[in-house]
């Protein structure tokens, strides 16, 4: 009888201990363990990160790091850290947090526009993805890649079409570049290629002319008209005489892209550079800027007119006065010269 009581008591104690153990384990796995007030928190785990690095990132995001450590160890995460961008929902428990940072790599939206050179693009992308800008430049300018895909060092920028794209944060340089090549090929449909051909241009030349058009006018609704002016000049064998190309030529020749040039001087027109369209006929060897898609579409769908000249309209800021003859243009130009002199803009 006595032995039976001991056995019964031992069983009861075992169940209590088991219950406590199960409750403890359950609590560690399934009790909420977030410490932030927003609806979600974002962490970025580098490709060379270890568990200590992840733990440091989580220090302010979870209430109980020790219980998280135990769950992470049990689920094998501590020795199998994954790189990427991860989202942790408010109120998540340790089990959910580990699952999120182990298999929930979430794409990020990146955007870029109006970059002047590949090095500027690399810097912009390097601010939004894990990849280093130096690695991006190497991928962008890889001679074999450029040759295989019909680009040169001067036209390499034309492959990058400004927009908003989704990428995994830990995308490497070549993956980024190759994805942009796919986007480039997707953009240049047979219809767009036909429109470019109708203007006597290749896709790279469309991009190059669009870069000049956008530098000339910030007004989307005016870009087809400006594009029409330059196409009229091209088709009739005129030099483009585009001030933005002179500014780019000066910067490139002096290797100083930080300088701000608001006024083109006569001495600038003598800059010996293939980008100077006052000195050399035709389009420059590549773009002077990364144009918006609206500028590219303006070149593909230009306004059909007989204008060959234009100058800023000081009475309608941002817009221009257009002329068919040099006499008309000189009359329009007077109001601009008077205005710029009054502003004291010497450079």
C-alpha atoms as a PDB file:
ATOM      1  CA  UNK A   1       0.000   0.000   0.000  1.00  0.00           C
ATOM      2  CA  UNK A   2       2.826   2.319   0.971  1.00  0.00           C
ATOM      3  CA  UNK A   3       4.692   1.571  -2.272  1.00  0.00           C
ATOM      4  CA  UNK A   4       1.616   2.352  -4.334  1.00  0.00           C
ATOM      5  CA  UNK A   5       1.334   5.768  -2.671  1.00  0.00           C
ATOM      6  CA  UNK A   6       4.987   6.495  -3.425  1.00  0.00           C
ATOM      7  CA  UNK A   7       4.505   5.527  -7.076  1.00  0.00           C
ATOM      8  CA  UNK A   8       1.366   7.647  -7.354  1.00  0.00           C
ATOM      9  CA  UNK A   9       3.048  10.615  -5.726  1.00  0.00           C
ATOM     10  CA  UNK A  10       6.073  10.239  -8.003  1.00  0.00           C
ATOM     11  CA  UNK A  11       3.802  10.175 -11.053  1.00  0.00           C
ATOM     12  CA  UNK A  12       2.014  13.306  -9.899  1.00  0.00           C
ATOM     13  CA  UNK A  13       5.301  15.090  -9.261  1.00  0.00           C
ATOM     14  CA  UNK A  14       6.553  13.943 -12.690  1.00  0.00           C
ATOM     15  CA  UNK A  15       3.466  15.323 -14.370  1.00  0.00           C
ATOM     16  CA  UNK A  16       3.862  18.612 -12.557  1.00  0.00           C
ATOM     17  CA  UNK A  17       7.516  18.866 -13.504  1.00  0.00           C
ATOM     18  CA  UNK A  18       6.692  17.845 -17.079  1.00  0.00           C
ATOM     19  CA  UNK A  19       3.939  20.422 -17.192  1.00  0.00           C
ATOM     20  CA  UNK A  20       6.259  23.123 -15.908  1.00  0.00           C
ATOM     21  CA  UNK A  21       8.891  22.105 -18.452  1.00  0.00           C
ATOM     22  CA  UNK A  22       6.362  22.043 -21.267  1.00  0.00           C
ATOM     23  CA  UNK A  23       4.987  25.410 -20.195  1.00  0.00           C
ATOM     24  CA  UNK A  24       8.500  26.846 -20.108  1.00  0.00           C
ATOM     25  CA  UNK A  25       9.330  25.486 -23.548  1.00  0.00           C
ATOM     26  CA  UNK A  26       5.985  26.659 -24.898  1.00  0.00           C
ATOM     27  CA  UNK A  27       6.589  30.113 -23.460  1.00  0.00           C
ATOM     28  CA  UNK A  28      10.011  30.364 -25.027  1.00  0.00           C
ATOM     29  CA  UNK A  29       8.709  29.317 -28.420  1.00  0.00           C
ATOM     30  CA  UNK A  30       5.271  30.849 -28.576  1.00  0.00           C
ATOM     31  CA  UNK A  31       5.038  33.859 -26.231  1.00  0.00           C
ATOM     32  CA  UNK A  32       5.256  37.300 -27.871  1.00  0.00           C
ATOM     33  CA  UNK A  33       8.815  38.612 -27.652  1.00  0.00           C
ATOM     34  CA  UNK A  34       9.017  41.898 -29.563  1.00  0.00           C
ATOM     35  CA  UNK A  35      10.026  45.185 -27.951  1.00  0.00           C
ATOM     36  CA  UNK A  36       9.136  47.730 -30.664  1.00  0.00           C
ATOM     37  CA  UNK A  37       5.966  49.780 -30.992  1.00  0.00           C
ATOM     38  CA  UNK A  38       5.674  50.022 -34.779  1.00  0.00           C
ATOM     39  CA  UNK A  39       3.723  47.438 -36.736  1.00  0.00           C
ATOM     40  CA  UNK A  40       6.922  45.864 -38.014  1.00  0.00           C
ATOM     41  CA  UNK A  41      10.693  46.127 -37.783  1.00  0.00           C
ATOM     42  CA  UNK A  42      13.247  45.670 -40.557  1.00  0.00           C
ATOM     43  CA  UNK A  43      16.681  44.117 -40.206  1.00  0.00           C
ATOM     44  CA  UNK A  44      19.401  43.795 -42.826  1.00  0.00           C
ATOM     45  CA  UNK A  45      21.760  40.847 -42.482  1.00  0.00           C
ATOM     46  CA  UNK A  46      24.990  41.119 -44.454  1.00  0.00           C
ATOM     47  CA  UNK A  47      26.353  38.197 -46.445  1.00  0.00           C
ATOM     48  CA  UNK A  48      29.343  37.869 -44.101  1.00  0.00           C
ATOM     49  CA  UNK A  49      27.297  38.142 -40.906  1.00  0.00           C
ATOM     50  CA  UNK A  50      27.366  35.541 -38.134  1.00  0.00           C
ATOM     51  CA  UNK A  51      24.898  34.904 -35.340  1.00  0.00           C
ATOM     52  CA  UNK A  52      26.552  37.471 -33.063  1.00  0.00           C
ATOM     53  CA  UNK A  53      25.920  40.148 -35.692  1.00  0.00           C
ATOM     54  CA  UNK A  54      22.265  39.183 -35.983  1.00  0.00           C
ATOM     55  CA  UNK A  55      21.929  39.087 -32.202  1.00  0.00           C
ATOM     56  CA  UNK A  56      23.313  42.624 -32.004  1.00  0.00           C
ATOM     57  CA  UNK A  57      20.735  43.800 -34.555  1.00  0.00           C
ATOM     58  CA  UNK A  58      17.954  42.187 -32.533  1.00  0.00           C
ATOM     59  CA  UNK A  59      19.058  43.577 -29.184  1.00  0.00           C
ATOM     60  CA  UNK A  60      16.613  46.471 -29.244  1.00  0.00           C
ATOM     61  CA  UNK A  61      13.893  44.579 -31.076  1.00  0.00           C
ATOM     62  CA  UNK A  62      13.239  41.632 -28.720  1.00  0.00           C
ATOM     63  CA  UNK A  63      12.426  41.660 -25.010  1.00  0.00           C
ATOM     64  CA  UNK A  64      14.210  38.476 -23.987  1.00  0.00           C
ATOM     65  CA  UNK A  65      17.394  37.726 -25.924  1.00  0.00           C
ATOM     66  CA  UNK A  66      18.260  34.654 -23.876  1.00  0.00           C
ATOM     67  CA  UNK A  67      15.035  32.881 -24.727  1.00  0.00           C
ATOM     68  CA  UNK A  68      15.516  33.867 -28.360  1.00  0.00           C
ATOM     69  CA  UNK A  69      19.024  32.386 -28.249  1.00  0.00           C
ATOM     70  CA  UNK A  70      17.641  29.097 -26.992  1.00  0.00           C
ATOM     71  CA  UNK A  71      14.987  28.882 -29.690  1.00  0.00           C
ATOM     72  CA  UNK A  72      17.456  29.917 -32.411  1.00  0.00           C
ATOM     73  CA  UNK A  73      19.844  27.195 -31.215  1.00  0.00           C
ATOM     74  CA  UNK A  74      17.118  24.544 -31.155  1.00  0.00           C
ATOM     75  CA  UNK A  75      16.013  25.470 -34.701  1.00  0.00           C
ATOM     76  CA  UNK A  76      19.592  25.380 -36.009  1.00  0.00           C
ATOM     77  CA  UNK A  77      19.670  29.062 -36.951  1.00  0.00           C
ATOM     78  CA  UNK A  78      22.765  30.011 -34.949  1.00  0.00           C
ATOM     79  CA  UNK A  79      24.965  28.002 -37.303  1.00  0.00           C
ATOM     80  CA  UNK A  80      23.007  28.770 -40.480  1.00  0.00           C
ATOM     81  CA  UNK A  81      22.544  32.549 -40.709  1.00  0.00           C
ATOM     82  CA  UNK A  82      20.895  33.835 -43.887  1.00  0.00           C
ATOM     83  CA  UNK A  83      21.681  37.157 -45.578  1.00  0.00           C
ATOM     84  CA  UNK A  84      19.007  39.561 -46.712  1.00  0.00           C
ATOM     85  CA  UNK A  85      16.305  42.013 -45.685  1.00  0.00           C
ATOM     86  CA  UNK A  86      13.844  40.624 -43.175  1.00  0.00           C
ATOM     87  CA  UNK A  87      10.626  41.913 -41.604  1.00  0.00           C
ATOM     88  CA  UNK A  88       9.568  41.087 -38.054  1.00  0.00           C
ATOM     89  CA  UNK A  89       5.936  41.693 -37.172  1.00  0.00           C
ATOM     90  CA  UNK A  90       4.983  43.277 -33.868  1.00  0.00           C
ATOM     91  CA  UNK A  91       3.933  40.635 -31.321  1.00  0.00           C
ATOM     92  CA  UNK A  92       5.890  37.838 -33.007  1.00  0.00           C
ATOM     93  CA  UNK A  93       7.139  35.035 -30.807  1.00  0.00           C
ATOM     94  CA  UNK A  94      10.647  33.576 -30.944  1.00  0.00           C
ATOM     95  CA  UNK A  95       9.591  30.798 -33.289  1.00  0.00           C
ATOM     96  CA  UNK A  96       8.072  33.297 -35.717  1.00  0.00           C
ATOM     97  CA  UNK A  97      11.070  35.612 -35.486  1.00  0.00           C
ATOM     98  CA  UNK A  98      13.502  32.808 -36.323  1.00  0.00           C
ATOM     99  CA  UNK A  99      11.315  31.698 -39.220  1.00  0.00           C
ATOM    100  CA  UNK A 100      11.141  35.285 -40.490  1.00  0.00           C
ATOM    101  CA  UNK A 101      14.899  35.865 -40.508  1.00  0.00           C
ATOM    102  CA  UNK A 102      15.678  32.401 -41.796  1.00  0.00           C
ATOM    103  CA  UNK A 103      13.385  32.174 -44.823  1.00  0.00           C
ATOM    104  CA  UNK A 104      11.652  35.538 -45.169  1.00  0.00           C
ATOM    105  CA  UNK A 105      14.131  37.437 -47.330  1.00  0.00           C
ATOM    106  CA  UNK A 106      11.953  40.264 -48.630  1.00  0.00           C
ATOM    107  CA  UNK A 107      12.751  42.366 -51.730  1.00  0.00           C
ATOM    108  CA  UNK A 108      13.337  46.095 -51.324  1.00  0.00           C
ATOM    109  CA  UNK A 109      12.247  48.796 -53.738  1.00  0.00           C
ATOM    110  CA  UNK A 110      15.126  50.749 -55.222  1.00  0.00           C
ATOM    111  CA  UNK A 111      14.942  53.792 -57.453  1.00  0.00           C
ATOM    112  CA  UNK A 112      17.455  55.768 -59.462  1.00  0.00           C
ATOM    113  CA  UNK A 113      17.254  58.598 -61.958  1.00  0.00           C
ATOM    114  CA  UNK A 114      19.135  61.607 -63.271  1.00  0.00           C
ATOM    115  CA  UNK A 115      22.588  60.122 -62.696  1.00  0.00           C
ATOM    116  CA  UNK A 116      25.292  61.845 -64.736  1.00  0.00           C
ATOM    117  CA  UNK A 117      27.770  58.953 -64.964  1.00  0.00           C
ATOM    118  CA  UNK A 118      28.090  55.261 -64.185  1.00  0.00           C
ATOM    119  CA  UNK A 119      30.050  56.100 -61.046  1.00  0.00           C
ATOM    120  CA  UNK A 120      27.101  58.173 -59.819  1.00  0.00           C
ATOM    121  CA  UNK A 121      24.719  55.301 -60.553  1.00  0.00           C
ATOM    122  CA  UNK A 122      26.968  52.890 -58.657  1.00  0.00           C
ATOM    123  CA  UNK A 123      26.978  55.216 -55.671  1.00  0.00           C
ATOM    124  CA  UNK A 124      23.190  55.529 -55.745  1.00  0.00           C
ATOM    125  CA  UNK A 125      22.644  51.772 -55.919  1.00  0.00           C
ATOM    126  CA  UNK A 126      25.287  51.183 -53.261  1.00  0.00           C
ATOM    127  CA  UNK A 127      23.188  53.290 -50.892  1.00  0.00           C
ATOM    128  CA  UNK A 128      20.171  51.038 -51.379  1.00  0.00           C
ATOM    129  CA  UNK A 129      21.640  47.529 -51.620  1.00  0.00           C
ATOM    130  CA  UNK A 130      24.338  45.652 -49.720  1.00  0.00           C
ATOM    131  CA  UNK A 131      26.658  45.600 -52.743  1.00  0.00           C
ATOM    132  CA  UNK A 132      29.688  47.885 -52.741  1.00  0.00           C
ATOM    133  CA  UNK A 133      29.802  50.684 -55.342  1.00  0.00           C
ATOM    134  CA  UNK A 134      33.311  49.639 -56.406  1.00  0.00           C
ATOM    135  CA  UNK A 135      32.048  46.164 -57.302  1.00  0.00           C
ATOM    136  CA  UNK A 136      29.189  47.748 -59.232  1.00  0.00           C
ATOM    137  CA  UNK A 137      31.548  49.910 -61.297  1.00  0.00           C
ATOM    138  CA  UNK A 138      33.627  46.853 -62.145  1.00  0.00           C
ATOM    139  CA  UNK A 139      30.502  45.005 -63.302  1.00  0.00           C
ATOM    140  CA  UNK A 140      29.174  48.023 -65.239  1.00  0.00           C
ATOM    141  CA  UNK A 141      32.422  48.511 -67.153  1.00  0.00           C
ATOM    142  CA  UNK A 142      33.397  44.880 -67.733  1.00  0.00           C
ATOM    143  CA  UNK A 143      34.749  44.971 -71.297  1.00  0.00           C
ATOM    144  CA  UNK A 144      33.617  41.455 -72.194  1.00  0.00           C
ATOM    145  CA  UNK A 145      30.077  42.060 -70.952  1.00  0.00           C
ATOM    146  CA  UNK A 146      29.819  45.344 -72.857  1.00  0.00           C
ATOM    147  CA  UNK A 147      31.099  43.827 -76.089  1.00  0.00           C
ATOM    148  CA  UNK A 148      28.815  40.781 -75.862  1.00  0.00           C
ATOM    149  CA  UNK A 149      25.759  42.991 -75.434  1.00  0.00           C
ATOM    150  CA  UNK A 150      26.536  45.685 -77.972  1.00  0.00           C
ATOM    151  CA  UNK A 151      27.611  48.466 -75.640  1.00  0.00           C
ATOM    152  CA  UNK A 152      30.758  50.540 -75.356  1.00  0.00           C
ATOM    153  CA  UNK A 153      32.211  52.380 -72.397  1.00  0.00           C
ATOM    154  CA  UNK A 154      30.559  55.556 -73.725  1.00  0.00           C
ATOM    155  CA  UNK A 155      27.116  53.967 -74.184  1.00  0.00           C
ATOM    156  CA  UNK A 156      27.126  51.702 -71.104  1.00  0.00           C
ATOM    157  CA  UNK A 157      24.860  54.097 -69.187  1.00  0.00           C
ATOM    158  CA  UNK A 158      22.115  53.645 -71.799  1.00  0.00           C
ATOM    159  CA  UNK A 159      21.420  50.167 -70.446  1.00  0.00           C
ATOM    160  CA  UNK A 160      20.043  51.588 -67.209  1.00  0.00           C
ATOM    161  CA  UNK A 161      16.495  52.856 -67.470  1.00  0.00           C
ATOM    162  CA  UNK A 162      15.402  54.967 -64.491  1.00  0.00           C
ATOM    163  CA  UNK A 163      12.457  53.526 -62.626  1.00  0.00           C
ATOM    164  CA  UNK A 164      11.565  51.777 -59.378  1.00  0.00           C
ATOM    165  CA  UNK A 165      12.556  48.121 -59.220  1.00  0.00           C
ATOM    166  CA  UNK A 166      12.390  45.324 -56.666  1.00  0.00           C
ATOM    167  CA  UNK A 167      15.635  43.589 -55.713  1.00  0.00           C
ATOM    168  CA  UNK A 168      16.771  41.376 -52.892  1.00  0.00           C
ATOM    169  CA  UNK A 169      18.910  43.563 -50.654  1.00  0.00           C
ATOM    170  CA  UNK A 170      21.827  41.107 -50.832  1.00  0.00           C
ATOM    171  CA  UNK A 171      21.879  41.090 -54.673  1.00  0.00           C
ATOM    172  CA  UNK A 172      25.479  41.187 -55.899  1.00  0.00           C
ATOM    173  CA  UNK A 173      26.934  43.484 -58.574  1.00  0.00           C
ATOM    174  CA  UNK A 174      26.680  41.122 -61.532  1.00  0.00           C
ATOM    175  CA  UNK A 175      23.169  40.025 -60.570  1.00  0.00           C
ATOM    176  CA  UNK A 176      22.088  43.661 -60.460  1.00  0.00           C
ATOM    177  CA  UNK A 177      23.716  44.435 -63.816  1.00  0.00           C
ATOM    178  CA  UNK A 178      22.261  41.349 -65.504  1.00  0.00           C
ATOM    179  CA  UNK A 179      18.785  42.140 -64.197  1.00  0.00           C
ATOM    180  CA  UNK A 180      19.041  45.650 -65.643  1.00  0.00           C
ATOM    181  CA  UNK A 181      20.020  44.169 -68.989  1.00  0.00           C
ATOM    182  CA  UNK A 182      16.802  42.132 -68.919  1.00  0.00           C
ATOM    183  CA  UNK A 183      14.806  45.285 -68.096  1.00  0.00           C
ATOM    184  CA  UNK A 184      16.545  47.080 -70.981  1.00  0.00           C
ATOM    185  CA  UNK A 185      15.608  44.319 -73.428  1.00  0.00           C
ATOM    186  CA  UNK A 186      12.057  44.302 -72.096  1.00  0.00           C
ATOM    187  CA  UNK A 187      11.746  48.055 -72.602  1.00  0.00           C
ATOM    188  CA  UNK A 188      13.021  48.031 -76.159  1.00  0.00           C
ATOM    189  CA  UNK A 189      10.034  46.367 -77.763  1.00  0.00           C
ATOM    190  CA  UNK A 190       9.739  45.958 -81.509  1.00  0.00           C
ATOM    191  CA  UNK A 191       7.415  48.975 -81.546  1.00  0.00           C
ATOM    192  CA  UNK A 192       9.959  51.214 -79.805  1.00  0.00           C
ATOM    193  CA  UNK A 193      12.765  49.945 -82.026  1.00  0.00           C
ATOM    194  CA  UNK A 194      10.657  50.751 -85.084  1.00  0.00           C
ATOM    195  CA  UNK A 195      10.019  54.286 -83.811  1.00  0.00           C
ATOM    196  CA  UNK A 196      13.738  54.769 -83.207  1.00  0.00           C
ATOM    197  CA  UNK A 197      14.534  53.508 -86.702  1.00  0.00           C
ATOM    198  CA  UNK A 198      11.973  55.882 -88.171  1.00  0.00           C
ATOM    199  CA  UNK A 199      14.009  58.732 -86.692  1.00  0.00           C
ATOM    200  CA  UNK A 200      17.245  57.222 -88.001  1.00  0.00           C
ATOM    201  CA  UNK A 201      18.400  56.377 -84.492  1.00  0.00           C
ATOM    202  CA  UNK A 202      19.551  53.323 -82.546  1.00  0.00           C
ATOM    203  CA  UNK A 203      18.261  52.748 -78.999  1.00  0.00           C
ATOM    204  CA  UNK A 204      21.546  54.105 -77.611  1.00  0.00           C
ATOM    205  CA  UNK A 205      21.200  57.229 -79.772  1.00  0.00           C
ATOM    206  CA  UNK A 206      17.612  57.711 -78.611  1.00  0.00           C
ATOM    207  CA  UNK A 207      18.847  57.601 -75.010  1.00  0.00           C
ATOM    208  CA  UNK A 208      21.674  60.020 -75.824  1.00  0.00           C
ATOM    209  CA  UNK A 209      19.385  62.528 -77.512  1.00  0.00           C
ATOM    210  CA  UNK A 210      16.864  62.148 -74.678  1.00  0.00           C
ATOM    211  CA  UNK A 211      19.599  63.102 -72.218  1.00  0.00           C
ATOM    212  CA  UNK A 212      20.092  66.377 -74.115  1.00  0.00           C
ATOM    213  CA  UNK A 213      16.344  67.012 -74.381  1.00  0.00           C
ATOM    214  CA  UNK A 214      15.832  66.596 -70.645  1.00  0.00           C
ATOM    215  CA  UNK A 215      18.764  68.876 -69.835  1.00  0.00           C
ATOM    216  CA  UNK A 216      17.167  71.518 -72.054  1.00  0.00           C
ATOM    217  CA  UNK A 217      13.703  71.404 -70.518  1.00  0.00           C
ATOM    218  CA  UNK A 218      12.282  70.171 -67.235  1.00  0.00           C
ATOM    219  CA  UNK A 219       8.750  70.409 -68.629  1.00  0.00           C
ATOM    220  CA  UNK A 220       7.442  67.011 -69.736  1.00  0.00           C
ATOM    221  CA  UNK A 221       4.863  68.535 -72.056  1.00  0.00           C
ATOM    222  CA  UNK A 222       7.547  70.536 -73.891  1.00  0.00           C
ATOM    223  CA  UNK A 223       9.995  67.679 -74.438  1.00  0.00           C
ATOM    224  CA  UNK A 224       8.419  66.350 -77.686  1.00  0.00           C
ATOM    225  CA  UNK A 225       8.785  69.833 -79.195  1.00  0.00           C
ATOM    226  CA  UNK A 226      12.421  70.184 -78.099  1.00  0.00           C
ATOM    227  CA  UNK A 227      13.111  66.674 -79.414  1.00  0.00           C
ATOM    228  CA  UNK A 228      11.595  67.769 -82.725  1.00  0.00           C
ATOM    229  CA  UNK A 229      14.023  70.698 -82.935  1.00  0.00           C
ATOM    230  CA  UNK A 230      17.076  68.490 -82.507  1.00  0.00           C
ATOM    231  CA  UNK A 231      15.769  65.894 -84.917  1.00  0.00           C
ATOM    232  CA  UNK A 232      15.167  68.622 -87.485  1.00  0.00           C
ATOM    233  CA  UNK A 233      18.794  69.676 -87.098  1.00  0.00           C
ATOM    234  CA  UNK A 234      20.078  66.100 -87.312  1.00  0.00           C
ATOM    235  CA  UNK A 235      18.009  65.230 -90.357  1.00  0.00           C
ATOM    236  CA  UNK A 236      19.166  68.345 -92.175  1.00  0.00           C
ATOM    237  CA  UNK A 237      22.844  67.936 -91.410  1.00  0.00           C
ATOM    238  CA  UNK A 238      23.079  70.762 -88.883  1.00  0.00           C
ATOM    239  CA  UNK A 239      25.221  70.627 -85.786  1.00  0.00           C
ATOM    240  CA  UNK A 240      23.093  70.223 -82.665  1.00  0.00           C
ATOM    241  CA  UNK A 241      24.601  73.303 -80.944  1.00  0.00           C
ATOM    242  CA  UNK A 242      23.278  72.056 -77.600  1.00  0.00           C
ATOM    243  CA  UNK A 243      24.512  73.975 -74.548  1.00  0.00           C
ATOM    244  CA  UNK A 244      24.143  70.974 -72.177  1.00  0.00           C
ATOM    245  CA  UNK A 245      26.661  69.037 -74.257  1.00  0.00           C
ATOM    246  CA  UNK A 246      29.166  71.872 -73.909  1.00  0.00           C
ATOM    247  CA  UNK A 247      28.718  71.885 -70.141  1.00  0.00           C
ATOM    248  CA  UNK A 248      29.306  68.134 -70.039  1.00  0.00           C
ATOM    249  CA  UNK A 249      32.357  68.489 -72.291  1.00  0.00           C
ATOM    250  CA  UNK A 250      33.860  71.117 -69.998  1.00  0.00           C
ATOM    251  CA  UNK A 251      33.283  68.960 -66.918  1.00  0.00           C
ATOM    252  CA  UNK A 252      34.695  65.875 -68.585  1.00  0.00           C
ATOM    253  CA  UNK A 253      37.711  67.657 -70.026  1.00  0.00           C
ATOM    254  CA  UNK A 254      38.522  69.225 -66.672  1.00  0.00           C
ATOM    255  CA  UNK A 255      37.603  66.020 -64.824  1.00  0.00           C
ATOM    256  CA  UNK A 256      35.467  68.055 -62.458  1.00  0.00           C
ATOM    257  CA  UNK A 257      31.836  66.973 -62.362  1.00  0.00           C
ATOM    258  CA  UNK A 258      31.144  68.830 -59.131  1.00  0.00           C
ATOM    259  CA  UNK A 259      31.344  72.270 -60.703  1.00  0.00           C
ATOM    260  CA  UNK A 260      28.103  74.113 -61.424  1.00  0.00           C
ATOM    261  CA  UNK A 261      27.894  75.865 -64.805  1.00  0.00           C
ATOM    262  CA  UNK A 262      24.794  77.992 -65.309  1.00  0.00           C
ATOM    263  CA  UNK A 263      25.995  79.973 -68.291  1.00  0.00           C
ATOM    264  CA  UNK A 264      27.933  78.777 -71.314  1.00  0.00           C
ATOM    265  CA  UNK A 265      30.665  81.199 -72.324  1.00  0.00           C
ATOM    266  CA  UNK A 266      32.174  81.663 -75.779  1.00  0.00           C
ATOM    267  CA  UNK A 267      35.425  80.117 -74.592  1.00  0.00           C
ATOM    268  CA  UNK A 268      33.488  76.980 -73.584  1.00  0.00           C
ATOM    269  CA  UNK A 269      32.344  76.528 -77.162  1.00  0.00           C
ATOM    270  CA  UNK A 270      35.959  75.911 -78.133  1.00  0.00           C
ATOM    271  CA  UNK A 271      36.328  72.930 -75.793  1.00  0.00           C
ATOM    272  CA  UNK A 272      37.826  70.150 -77.892  1.00  0.00           C
ATOM    273  CA  UNK A 273      35.668  67.181 -77.004  1.00  0.00           C
ATOM    274  CA  UNK A 274      33.440  64.849 -79.058  1.00  0.00           C
ATOM    275  CA  UNK A 275      30.716  65.777 -76.566  1.00  0.00           C
ATOM    276  CA  UNK A 276      30.819  69.408 -77.701  1.00  0.00           C
ATOM    277  CA  UNK A 277      28.061  69.569 -80.318  1.00  0.00           C
ATOM    278  CA  UNK A 278      28.978  73.145 -81.216  1.00  0.00           C
ATOM    279  CA  UNK A 279      32.318  71.834 -82.472  1.00  0.00           C
ATOM    280  CA  UNK A 280      31.388  68.378 -83.780  1.00  0.00           C
ATOM    281  CA  UNK A 281      28.405  67.369 -85.906  1.00  0.00           C
ATOM    282  CA  UNK A 282      25.979  64.633 -84.964  1.00  0.00           C
ATOM    283  CA  UNK A 283      25.224  63.146 -81.581  1.00  0.00           C
ATOM    284  CA  UNK A 284      27.902  62.869 -78.910  1.00  0.00           C
ATOM    285  CA  UNK A 285      29.382  59.374 -78.384  1.00  0.00           C
ATOM    286  CA  UNK A 286      27.101  58.692 -75.439  1.00  0.00           C
ATOM    287  CA  UNK A 287      24.582  60.263 -73.072  1.00  0.00           C
ATOM    288  CA  UNK A 288      25.469  63.287 -70.964  1.00  0.00           C
ATOM    289  CA  UNK A 289      22.948  62.330 -68.299  1.00  0.00           C
ATOM    290  CA  UNK A 290      20.424  59.653 -67.388  1.00  0.00           C
ATOM    291  CA  UNK A 291      17.107  60.839 -68.874  1.00  0.00           C
ATOM    292  CA  UNK A 292      13.658  60.044 -67.552  1.00  0.00           C
ATOM    293  CA  UNK A 293      11.437  57.703 -69.531  1.00  0.00           C
ATOM    294  CA  UNK A 294       9.360  60.753 -70.492  1.00  0.00           C
ATOM    295  CA  UNK A 295      12.371  62.223 -72.320  1.00  0.00           C
ATOM    296  CA  UNK A 296      13.046  58.913 -74.081  1.00  0.00           C
ATOM    297  CA  UNK A 297       9.409  58.739 -75.154  1.00  0.00           C
ATOM    298  CA  UNK A 298       9.625  62.341 -76.369  1.00  0.00           C
ATOM    299  CA  UNK A 299      12.426  61.365 -78.763  1.00  0.00           C
ATOM    300  CA  UNK A 300      10.469  58.325 -79.905  1.00  0.00           C
ATOM    301  CA  UNK A 301       7.325  60.424 -80.368  1.00  0.00           C
ATOM    302  CA  UNK A 302       8.574  63.911 -81.301  1.00  0.00           C
ATOM    303  CA  UNK A 303       6.396  66.806 -82.297  1.00  0.00           C
ATOM    304  CA  UNK A 304       6.381  67.280 -86.068  1.00  0.00           C
ATOM    305  CA  UNK A 305       7.151  70.939 -86.789  1.00  0.00           C
ATOM    306  CA  UNK A 306       9.556  73.266 -88.645  1.00  0.00           C
ATOM    307  CA  UNK A 307      11.293  74.798 -85.652  1.00  0.00           C
ATOM    308  CA  UNK A 308      15.099  74.848 -85.619  1.00  0.00           C
ATOM    309  CA  UNK A 309      15.766  77.220 -82.718  1.00  0.00           C
ATOM    310  CA  UNK A 310      14.594  77.812 -79.161  1.00  0.00           C
ATOM    311  CA  UNK A 311      15.559  79.911 -76.170  1.00  0.00           C
ATOM    312  CA  UNK A 312      14.280  80.209 -72.606  1.00  0.00           C
ATOM    313  CA  UNK A 313      11.067  82.217 -72.247  1.00  0.00           C
ATOM    314  CA  UNK A 314      11.645  84.496 -69.245  1.00  0.00           C
ATOM    315  CA  UNK A 315       7.955  85.405 -69.143  1.00  0.00           C
ATOM    316  CA  UNK A 316       6.989  81.733 -68.734  1.00  0.00           C
ATOM    317  CA  UNK A 317       9.611  80.123 -66.467  1.00  0.00           C
ATOM    318  CA  UNK A 318      10.656  76.619 -67.470  1.00  0.00           C
ATOM    319  CA  UNK A 319       9.360  76.950 -71.014  1.00  0.00           C
ATOM    320  CA  UNK A 320      10.941  78.166 -74.259  1.00  0.00           C
ATOM    321  CA  UNK A 321      10.265  80.347 -77.281  1.00  0.00           C
ATOM    322  CA  UNK A 322      10.642  78.476 -80.577  1.00  0.00           C
ATOM    323  CA  UNK A 323      11.588  79.899 -83.963  1.00  0.00           C
ATOM    324  CA  UNK A 324      11.830  78.682 -87.544  1.00  0.00           C
ATOM    325  CA  UNK A 325      14.432  81.217 -88.686  1.00  0.00           C
ATOM    326  CA  UNK A 326      17.590  82.719 -87.246  1.00  0.00           C
ATOM    327  CA  UNK A 327      16.045  86.210 -87.451  1.00  0.00           C
ATOM    328  CA  UNK A 328      13.100  85.103 -85.297  1.00  0.00           C
ATOM    329  CA  UNK A 329      15.455  83.348 -82.916  1.00  0.00           C
ATOM    330  CA  UNK A 330      17.690  86.396 -82.480  1.00  0.00           C
ATOM    331  CA  UNK A 331      14.645  88.484 -81.607  1.00  0.00           C
ATOM    332  CA  UNK A 332      13.569  85.903 -79.029  1.00  0.00           C
ATOM    333  CA  UNK A 333      17.102  85.616 -77.709  1.00  0.00           C
ATOM    334  CA  UNK A 334      17.335  89.287 -76.754  1.00  0.00           C
ATOM    335  CA  UNK A 335      14.843  88.941 -73.913  1.00  0.00           C
ATOM    336  CA  UNK A 336      16.840  86.056 -72.462  1.00  0.00           C
ATOM    337  CA  UNK A 337      20.223  87.791 -72.737  1.00  0.00           C
ATOM    338  CA  UNK A 338      18.813  90.905 -71.035  1.00  0.00           C
ATOM    339  CA  UNK A 339      17.361  88.805 -68.247  1.00  0.00           C
ATOM    340  CA  UNK A 340      20.492  86.704 -67.591  1.00  0.00           C
ATOM    341  CA  UNK A 341      22.632  89.860 -67.504  1.00  0.00           C
ATOM    342  CA  UNK A 342      20.307  91.429 -64.941  1.00  0.00           C
ATOM    343  CA  UNK A 343      20.633  88.291 -62.812  1.00  0.00           C
ATOM    344  CA  UNK A 344      24.396  88.716 -62.790  1.00  0.00           C
ATOM    345  CA  UNK A 345      24.964  85.128 -63.905  1.00  0.00           C
ATOM    346  CA  UNK A 346      28.524  85.026 -65.210  1.00  0.00           C
ATOM    347  CA  UNK A 347      29.089  81.271 -65.032  1.00  0.00           C
END
